[in-house]
Amino acid sequence: RRGDTPYLRGTLGMLAMASELLAGDPRTKP
């Protein structure tokens, strides 16, 4: 979210748990 890295590495389930948070800003939607 800070922009230190554009990539995110995890399981799909982890992304599913983070998707609501990350979709809060169109820039960070995975």
PDB file of all heavy atoms in Angstrom:
ATOM      1  N   ARG A   1       0.829  -1.209   0.000  1.00  0.00           N
ATOM      2  CA  ARG A   1       0.000   0.000   0.000  1.00  0.00           C
ATOM      3  C   ARG A   1       0.865   1.263   0.000  1.00  0.00           C
ATOM      4  O   ARG A   1       0.494   2.268  -0.631  1.00  0.00           O
ATOM      5  CB  ARG A   1      -0.947  -0.009   1.199  1.00  0.00           C
ATOM      6  CG  ARG A   1      -1.995  -1.112   1.138  1.00  0.00           C
ATOM      7  CD  ARG A   1      -2.887  -1.128   2.378  1.00  0.00           C
ATOM      8  NE  ARG A   1      -3.924  -0.103   2.312  1.00  0.00           N
ATOM      9  CZ  ARG A   1      -3.987   0.951   3.113  1.00  0.00           C
ATOM     10  NH1 ARG A   1      -3.041   1.135   4.042  1.00  0.00           N
ATOM     11  NH2 ARG A   1      -4.966   1.832   3.002  1.00  0.00           N
ATOM     12  N   ARG A   2       1.992   1.223   0.705  1.00  0.00           N
ATOM     13  CA  ARG A   2       2.889   2.392   0.717  1.00  0.00           C
ATOM     14  C   ARG A   2       3.529   2.632  -0.636  1.00  0.00           C
ATOM     15  O   ARG A   2       3.927   3.754  -0.956  1.00  0.00           O
ATOM     16  CB  ARG A   2       3.994   2.199   1.750  1.00  0.00           C
ATOM     17  CG  ARG A   2       3.613   2.416   3.192  1.00  0.00           C
ATOM     18  CD  ARG A   2       4.851   2.567   4.064  1.00  0.00           C
ATOM     19  NE  ARG A   2       5.778   1.469   3.901  1.00  0.00           N
ATOM     20  CZ  ARG A   2       5.793   0.368   4.652  1.00  0.00           C
ATOM     21  NH1 ARG A   2       4.897   0.234   5.614  1.00  0.00           N
ATOM     22  NH2 ARG A   2       6.674  -0.584   4.451  1.00  0.00           N
ATOM     23  N   GLY A   3       3.689   1.563  -1.418  1.00  0.00           N
ATOM     24  CA  GLY A   3       4.360   1.692  -2.705  1.00  0.00           C
ATOM     25  C   GLY A   3       5.793   1.214  -2.665  1.00  0.00           C
ATOM     26  O   GLY A   3       6.537   1.414  -3.641  1.00  0.00           O
ATOM     27  N   ASP A   4       6.209   0.572  -1.565  1.00  0.00           N
ATOM     28  CA  ASP A   4       7.568   0.029  -1.503  1.00  0.00           C
ATOM     29  C   ASP A   4       7.758  -1.058  -2.562  1.00  0.00           C
ATOM     30  O   ASP A   4       8.865  -1.251  -3.075  1.00  0.00           O
ATOM     31  CB  ASP A   4       7.847  -0.571  -0.126  1.00  0.00           C
ATOM     32  CG  ASP A   4       7.829   0.470   0.979  1.00  0.00           C
ATOM     33  OD1 ASP A   4       7.815   1.676   0.655  1.00  0.00           O
ATOM     34  OD2 ASP A   4       7.816   0.081   2.162  1.00  0.00           O
ATOM     35  N   THR A   5       6.687  -1.777  -2.858  1.00  0.00           N
ATOM     36  CA  THR A   5       6.700  -2.835  -3.866  1.00  0.00           C
ATOM     37  C   THR A   5       5.358  -2.860  -4.574  1.00  0.00           C
ATOM     38  O   THR A   5       4.318  -2.627  -3.942  1.00  0.00           O
ATOM     39  CB  THR A   5       6.977  -4.208  -3.232  1.00  0.00           C
ATOM     40  OG1 THR A   5       6.841  -5.229  -4.251  1.00  0.00           O
ATOM     41  CG2 THR A   5       5.995  -4.508  -2.108  1.00  0.00           C
ATOM     42  N   PRO A   6       5.343  -3.136  -5.868  1.00  0.00           N
ATOM     43  CA  PRO A   6       4.049  -3.263  -6.550  1.00  0.00           C
ATOM     44  C   PRO A   6       3.472  -4.666  -6.442  1.00  0.00           C
ATOM     45  O   PRO A   6       2.339  -4.898  -6.872  1.00  0.00           O
ATOM     46  CB  PRO A   6       4.407  -2.934  -8.000  1.00  0.00           C
ATOM     47  CG  PRO A   6       5.827  -3.408  -8.144  1.00  0.00           C
ATOM     48  CD  PRO A   6       6.477  -3.146  -6.812  1.00  0.00           C
ATOM     49  N   TYR A   7       4.246  -5.612  -5.903  1.00  0.00           N
ATOM     50  CA  TYR A   7       3.848  -7.020  -5.913  1.00  0.00           C
ATOM     51  C   TYR A   7       3.384  -7.481  -4.539  1.00  0.00           C
ATOM     52  O   TYR A   7       3.814  -6.966  -3.494  1.00  0.00           O
ATOM     53  CB  TYR A   7       5.010  -7.902  -6.369  1.00  0.00           C
ATOM     54  CG  TYR A   7       5.368  -7.725  -7.824  1.00  0.00           C
ATOM     55  CD1 TYR A   7       6.460  -6.942  -8.194  1.00  0.00           C
ATOM     56  CD2 TYR A   7       4.615  -8.325  -8.826  1.00  0.00           C
ATOM     57  CE1 TYR A   7       6.796  -6.773  -9.534  1.00  0.00           C
ATOM     58  CE2 TYR A   7       4.945  -8.154 -10.165  1.00  0.00           C
ATOM     59  CZ  TYR A   7       6.028  -7.377 -10.512  1.00  0.00           C
ATOM     60  OH  TYR A   7       6.349  -7.206 -11.831  1.00  0.00           O
ATOM     61  N   LEU A   8       2.513  -8.476  -4.549  1.00  0.00           N
ATOM     62  CA  LEU A   8       2.018  -9.115  -3.332  1.00  0.00           C
ATOM     63  C   LEU A   8       2.125 -10.618  -3.533  1.00  0.00           C
ATOM     64  O   LEU A   8       1.743 -11.150  -4.578  1.00  0.00           O
ATOM     65  CB  LEU A   8       0.559  -8.718  -3.090  1.00  0.00           C
ATOM     66  CG  LEU A   8      -0.009  -8.927  -1.678  1.00  0.00           C
ATOM     67  CD1 LEU A   8       0.792  -8.128  -0.650  1.00  0.00           C
ATOM     68  CD2 LEU A   8      -1.473  -8.499  -1.651  1.00  0.00           C
ATOM     69  N   ARG A   9       2.633 -11.309  -2.521  1.00  0.00           N
ATOM     70  CA  ARG A   9       2.880 -12.750  -2.614  1.00  0.00           C
ATOM     71  C   ARG A   9       2.170 -13.467  -1.470  1.00  0.00           C
ATOM     72  O   ARG A   9       2.392 -13.180  -0.297  1.00  0.00           O
ATOM     73  CB  ARG A   9       4.393 -12.996  -2.543  1.00  0.00           C
ATOM     74  CG  ARG A   9       4.809 -14.448  -2.379  1.00  0.00           C
ATOM     75  CD  ARG A   9       4.614 -15.241  -3.667  1.00  0.00           C
ATOM     76  NE  ARG A   9       4.976 -16.632  -3.419  1.00  0.00           N
ATOM     77  CZ  ARG A   9       4.120 -17.558  -2.968  1.00  0.00           C
ATOM     78  NH1 ARG A   9       2.859 -17.246  -2.743  1.00  0.00           N
ATOM     79  NH2 ARG A   9       4.526 -18.789  -2.766  1.00  0.00           N
ATOM     80  N   GLY A  10       1.278 -14.385  -1.805  1.00  0.00           N
ATOM     81  CA  GLY A  10       0.571 -15.127  -0.771  1.00  0.00           C
ATOM     82  C   GLY A  10      -0.275 -16.228  -1.373  1.00  0.00           C
ATOM     83  O   GLY A  10      -0.157 -16.546  -2.561  1.00  0.00           O
ATOM     84  N   THR A  11      -1.124 -16.819  -0.554  1.00  0.00           N
ATOM     85  CA  THR A  11      -2.082 -17.780  -1.075  1.00  0.00           C
ATOM     86  C   THR A  11      -3.302 -17.029  -1.569  1.00  0.00           C
ATOM     87  O   THR A  11      -3.541 -15.872  -1.189  1.00  0.00           O
ATOM     88  CB  THR A  11      -2.510 -18.785   0.008  1.00  0.00           C
ATOM     89  OG1 THR A  11      -3.311 -18.108   0.991  1.00  0.00           O
ATOM     90  CG2 THR A  11      -1.303 -19.430   0.679  1.00  0.00           C
ATOM     91  N   LEU A  12      -4.094 -17.698  -2.396  1.00  0.00           N
ATOM     92  CA  LEU A  12      -5.297 -17.043  -2.889  1.00  0.00           C
ATOM     93  C   LEU A  12      -6.234 -16.699  -1.738  1.00  0.00           C
ATOM     94  O   LEU A  12      -6.894 -15.655  -1.743  1.00  0.00           O
ATOM     95  CB  LEU A  12      -6.010 -17.944  -3.905  1.00  0.00           C
ATOM     96  CG  LEU A  12      -7.203 -17.288  -4.609  1.00  0.00           C
ATOM     97  CD1 LEU A  12      -6.745 -16.106  -5.450  1.00  0.00           C
ATOM     98  CD2 LEU A  12      -7.933 -18.298  -5.479  1.00  0.00           C
ATOM     99  N   GLY A  13      -6.286 -17.568  -0.735  1.00  0.00           N
ATOM    100  CA  GLY A  13      -7.118 -17.288   0.425  1.00  0.00           C
ATOM    101  C   GLY A  13      -6.667 -16.037   1.157  1.00  0.00           C
ATOM    102  O   GLY A  13      -7.487 -15.256   1.643  1.00  0.00           O
ATOM    103  N   MET A  14      -5.359 -15.818   1.248  1.00  0.00           N
ATOM    104  CA  MET A  14      -4.845 -14.612   1.876  1.00  0.00           C
ATOM    105  C   MET A  14      -5.260 -13.378   1.076  1.00  0.00           C
ATOM    106  O   MET A  14      -5.669 -12.361   1.634  1.00  0.00           O
ATOM    107  CB  MET A  14      -3.321 -14.691   1.977  1.00  0.00           C
ATOM    108  CG  MET A  14      -2.801 -15.818   2.841  1.00  0.00           C
ATOM    109  SD  MET A  14      -3.230 -15.642   4.586  1.00  0.00           S
ATOM    110  CE  MET A  14      -2.175 -14.278   5.051  1.00  0.00           C
ATOM    111  N   LEU A  15      -5.135 -13.462  -0.246  1.00  0.00           N
ATOM    112  CA  LEU A  15      -5.572 -12.338  -1.081  1.00  0.00           C
ATOM    113  C   LEU A  15      -7.062 -12.079  -0.912  1.00  0.00           C
ATOM    114  O   LEU A  15      -7.510 -10.932  -0.898  1.00  0.00           O
ATOM    115  CB  LEU A  15      -5.256 -12.618  -2.549  1.00  0.00           C
ATOM    116  CG  LEU A  15      -3.795 -12.539  -2.991  1.00  0.00           C
ATOM    117  CD1 LEU A  15      -3.691 -12.786  -4.487  1.00  0.00           C
ATOM    118  CD2 LEU A  15      -3.188 -11.195  -2.637  1.00  0.00           C
ATOM    119  N   ALA A  16      -7.839 -13.153  -0.807  1.00  0.00           N
ATOM    120  CA  ALA A  16      -9.282 -12.998  -0.622  1.00  0.00           C
ATOM    121  C   ALA A  16      -9.590 -12.252   0.665  1.00  0.00           C
ATOM    122  O   ALA A  16     -10.510 -11.431   0.723  1.00  0.00           O
ATOM    123  CB  ALA A  16      -9.960 -14.367  -0.623  1.00  0.00           C
ATOM    124  N   MET A  17      -8.810 -12.513   1.712  1.00  0.00           N
ATOM    125  CA  MET A  17      -9.027 -11.813   2.983  1.00  0.00           C
ATOM    126  C   MET A  17      -8.583 -10.357   2.919  1.00  0.00           C
ATOM    127  O   MET A  17      -9.101  -9.512   3.646  1.00  0.00           O
ATOM    128  CB  MET A  17      -8.294 -12.542   4.110  1.00  0.00           C
ATOM    129  CG  MET A  17      -9.044 -13.753   4.628  1.00  0.00           C
ATOM    130  SD  MET A  17      -8.240 -14.546   6.040  1.00  0.00           S
ATOM    131  CE  MET A  17      -7.128 -15.670   5.195  1.00  0.00           C
ATOM    132  N   ALA A  18      -7.616 -10.055   2.039  1.00  0.00           N
ATOM    133  CA  ALA A  18      -7.109  -8.691   1.920  1.00  0.00           C
ATOM    134  C   ALA A  18      -7.812  -7.887   0.837  1.00  0.00           C
ATOM    135  O   ALA A  18      -7.618  -6.670   0.747  1.00  0.00           O
ATOM    136  CB  ALA A  18      -5.609  -8.717   1.634  1.00  0.00           C
ATOM    137  N   SER A  19      -8.622  -8.531   0.007  1.00  0.00           N
ATOM    138  CA  SER A  19      -9.172  -7.868  -1.184  1.00  0.00           C
ATOM    139  C   SER A  19     -10.052  -6.681  -0.840  1.00  0.00           C
ATOM    140  O   SER A  19     -10.035  -5.660  -1.533  1.00  0.00           O
ATOM    141  CB  SER A  19      -9.948  -8.879  -2.030  1.00  0.00           C
ATOM    142  OG  SER A  19     -11.022  -9.439  -1.295  1.00  0.00           O
ATOM    143  N   GLU A  20     -10.834  -6.783   0.235  1.00  0.00           N
ATOM    144  CA  GLU A  20     -11.706  -5.672   0.612  1.00  0.00           C
ATOM    145  C   GLU A  20     -10.881  -4.448   0.988  1.00  0.00           C
ATOM    146  O   GLU A  20     -11.185  -3.323   0.576  1.00  0.00           O
ATOM    147  CB  GLU A  20     -12.598  -6.094   1.775  1.00  0.00           C
ATOM    148  CG  GLU A  20     -13.597  -5.020   2.202  1.00  0.00           C
ATOM    149  CD  GLU A  20     -14.456  -5.481   3.361  1.00  0.00           C
ATOM    150  OE1 GLU A  20     -14.059  -6.424   4.078  1.00  0.00           O
ATOM    151  OE2 GLU A  20     -15.521  -4.878   3.555  1.00  0.00           O
ATOM    152  N   LEU A  21      -9.820  -4.664   1.760  1.00  0.00           N
ATOM    153  CA  LEU A  21      -8.929  -3.571   2.137  1.00  0.00           C
ATOM    154  C   LEU A  21      -8.264  -2.972   0.915  1.00  0.00           C
ATOM    155  O   LEU A  21      -8.248  -1.748   0.733  1.00  0.00           O
ATOM    156  CB  LEU A  21      -7.866  -4.100   3.104  1.00  0.00           C
ATOM    157  CG  LEU A  21      -6.662  -3.199   3.362  1.00  0.00           C
ATOM    158  CD1 LEU A  21      -7.072  -1.986   4.188  1.00  0.00           C
ATOM    159  CD2 LEU A  21      -5.549  -3.968   4.058  1.00  0.00           C
ATOM    160  N   LEU A  22      -7.719  -3.799   0.048  1.00  0.00           N
ATOM    161  CA  LEU A  22      -6.926  -3.313  -1.085  1.00  0.00           C
ATOM    162  C   LEU A  22      -7.787  -2.686  -2.172  1.00  0.00           C
ATOM    163  O   LEU A  22      -7.307  -1.850  -2.943  1.00  0.00           O
ATOM    164  CB  LEU A  22      -6.087  -4.457  -1.653  1.00  0.00           C
ATOM    165  CG  LEU A  22      -5.088  -5.074  -0.665  1.00  0.00           C
ATOM    166  CD1 LEU A  22      -4.326  -6.222  -1.321  1.00  0.00           C
ATOM    167  CD2 LEU A  22      -4.126  -4.022  -0.133  1.00  0.00           C
ATOM    168  N   ALA A  23      -9.055  -3.090  -2.259  1.00  0.00           N
ATOM    169  CA  ALA A  23      -9.951  -2.499  -3.250  1.00  0.00           C
ATOM    170  C   ALA A  23     -10.462  -1.134  -2.811  1.00  0.00           C
ATOM    171  O   ALA A  23     -11.131  -0.441  -3.587  1.00  0.00           O
ATOM    172  CB  ALA A  23     -11.134  -3.430  -3.506  1.00  0.00           C
ATOM    173  N   GLY A  24     -10.118  -0.740  -1.589  1.00  0.00           N
ATOM    174  CA  GLY A  24     -10.558   0.569  -1.106  1.00  0.00           C
ATOM    175  C   GLY A  24      -9.935   1.724  -1.848  1.00  0.00           C
ATOM    176  O   GLY A  24     -10.454   2.844  -1.820  1.00  0.00           O
ATOM    177  N   ASP A  25      -8.811   1.481  -2.514  1.00  0.00           N
ATOM    178  CA  ASP A  25      -8.166   2.493  -3.350  1.00  0.00           C
ATOM    179  C   ASP A  25      -7.923   1.843  -4.709  1.00  0.00           C
ATOM    180  O   ASP A  25      -7.317   0.775  -4.778  1.00  0.00           O
ATOM    181  CB  ASP A  25      -6.844   2.933  -2.729  1.00  0.00           C
ATOM    182  CG  ASP A  25      -6.222   4.130  -3.450  1.00  0.00           C
ATOM    183  OD1 ASP A  25      -5.965   4.031  -4.676  1.00  0.00           O
ATOM    184  OD2 ASP A  25      -5.974   5.157  -2.783  1.00  0.00           O
ATOM    185  N   PRO A  26      -8.392   2.444  -5.807  1.00  0.00           N
ATOM    186  CA  PRO A  26      -8.245   1.811  -7.127  1.00  0.00           C
ATOM    187  C   PRO A  26      -6.797   1.545  -7.505  1.00  0.00           C
ATOM    188  O   PRO A  26      -6.512   0.664  -8.319  1.00  0.00           O
ATOM    189  CB  PRO A  26      -8.894   2.813  -8.089  1.00  0.00           C
ATOM    190  CG  PRO A  26      -8.936   4.118  -7.346  1.00  0.00           C
ATOM    191  CD  PRO A  26      -9.075   3.756  -5.905  1.00  0.00           C
ATOM    192  N   ARG A  27      -5.847   2.266  -6.915  1.00  0.00           N
ATOM    193  CA  ARG A  27      -4.440   2.045  -7.236  1.00  0.00           C
ATOM    194  C   ARG A  27      -3.928   0.710  -6.700  1.00  0.00           C
ATOM    195  O   ARG A  27      -3.043   0.094  -7.296  1.00  0.00           O
ATOM    196  CB  ARG A  27      -3.586   3.182  -6.661  1.00  0.00           C
ATOM    197  CG  ARG A  27      -3.821   4.537  -7.294  1.00  0.00           C
ATOM    198  CD  ARG A  27      -3.080   5.626  -6.527  1.00  0.00           C
ATOM    199  NE  ARG A  27      -3.626   5.800  -5.179  1.00  0.00           N
ATOM    200  CZ  ARG A  27      -3.114   6.632  -4.261  1.00  0.00           C
ATOM    201  NH1 ARG A  27      -2.023   7.342  -4.560  1.00  0.00           N
ATOM    202  NH2 ARG A  27      -3.666   6.754  -3.073  1.00  0.00           N
ATOM    203  N   THR A  28      -4.472   0.276  -5.577  1.00  0.00           N
ATOM    204  CA  THR A  28      -3.944  -0.924  -4.925  1.00  0.00           C
ATOM    205  C   THR A  28      -4.797  -2.161  -5.150  1.00  0.00           C
ATOM    206  O   THR A  28      -4.453  -3.240  -4.648  1.00  0.00           O
ATOM    207  CB  THR A  28      -3.799  -0.695  -3.414  1.00  0.00           C
ATOM    208  OG1 THR A  28      -5.081  -0.398  -2.849  1.00  0.00           O
ATOM    209  CG2 THR A  28      -2.833   0.429  -3.123  1.00  0.00           C
ATOM    210  N   LYS A  29      -5.896  -2.021  -5.884  1.00  0.00           N
ATOM    211  CA  LYS A  29      -6.695  -3.214  -6.147  1.00  0.00           C
ATOM    212  C   LYS A  29      -5.808  -4.252  -6.827  1.00  0.00           C
ATOM    213  O   LYS A  29      -5.184  -3.977  -7.851  1.00  0.00           O
ATOM    214  CB  LYS A  29      -7.890  -2.892  -7.030  1.00  0.00           C
ATOM    215  CG  LYS A  29      -8.846  -4.074  -7.177  1.00  0.00           C
ATOM    216  CD  LYS A  29     -10.116  -3.708  -7.936  1.00  0.00           C
ATOM    217  CE  LYS A  29     -11.058  -4.908  -7.979  1.00  0.00           C
ATOM    218  NZ  LYS A  29     -12.312  -4.629  -8.705  1.00  0.00           N
ATOM    219  N   PRO A  30      -5.720  -5.470  -6.264  1.00  0.00           N
ATOM    220  CA  PRO A  30      -4.765  -6.438  -6.810  1.00  0.00           C
ATOM    221  C   PRO A  30      -5.223  -7.060  -8.118  1.00  0.00           C
ATOM    222  O   PRO A  30      -6.409  -7.338  -8.317  1.00  0.00           O
ATOM    223  CB  PRO A  30      -4.674  -7.493  -5.703  1.00  0.00           C
ATOM    224  CG  PRO A  30      -5.977  -7.413  -4.982  1.00  0.00           C
ATOM    225  CD  PRO A  30      -6.400  -5.978  -5.059  1.00  0.00           C
TER     226      PRO A  30
END
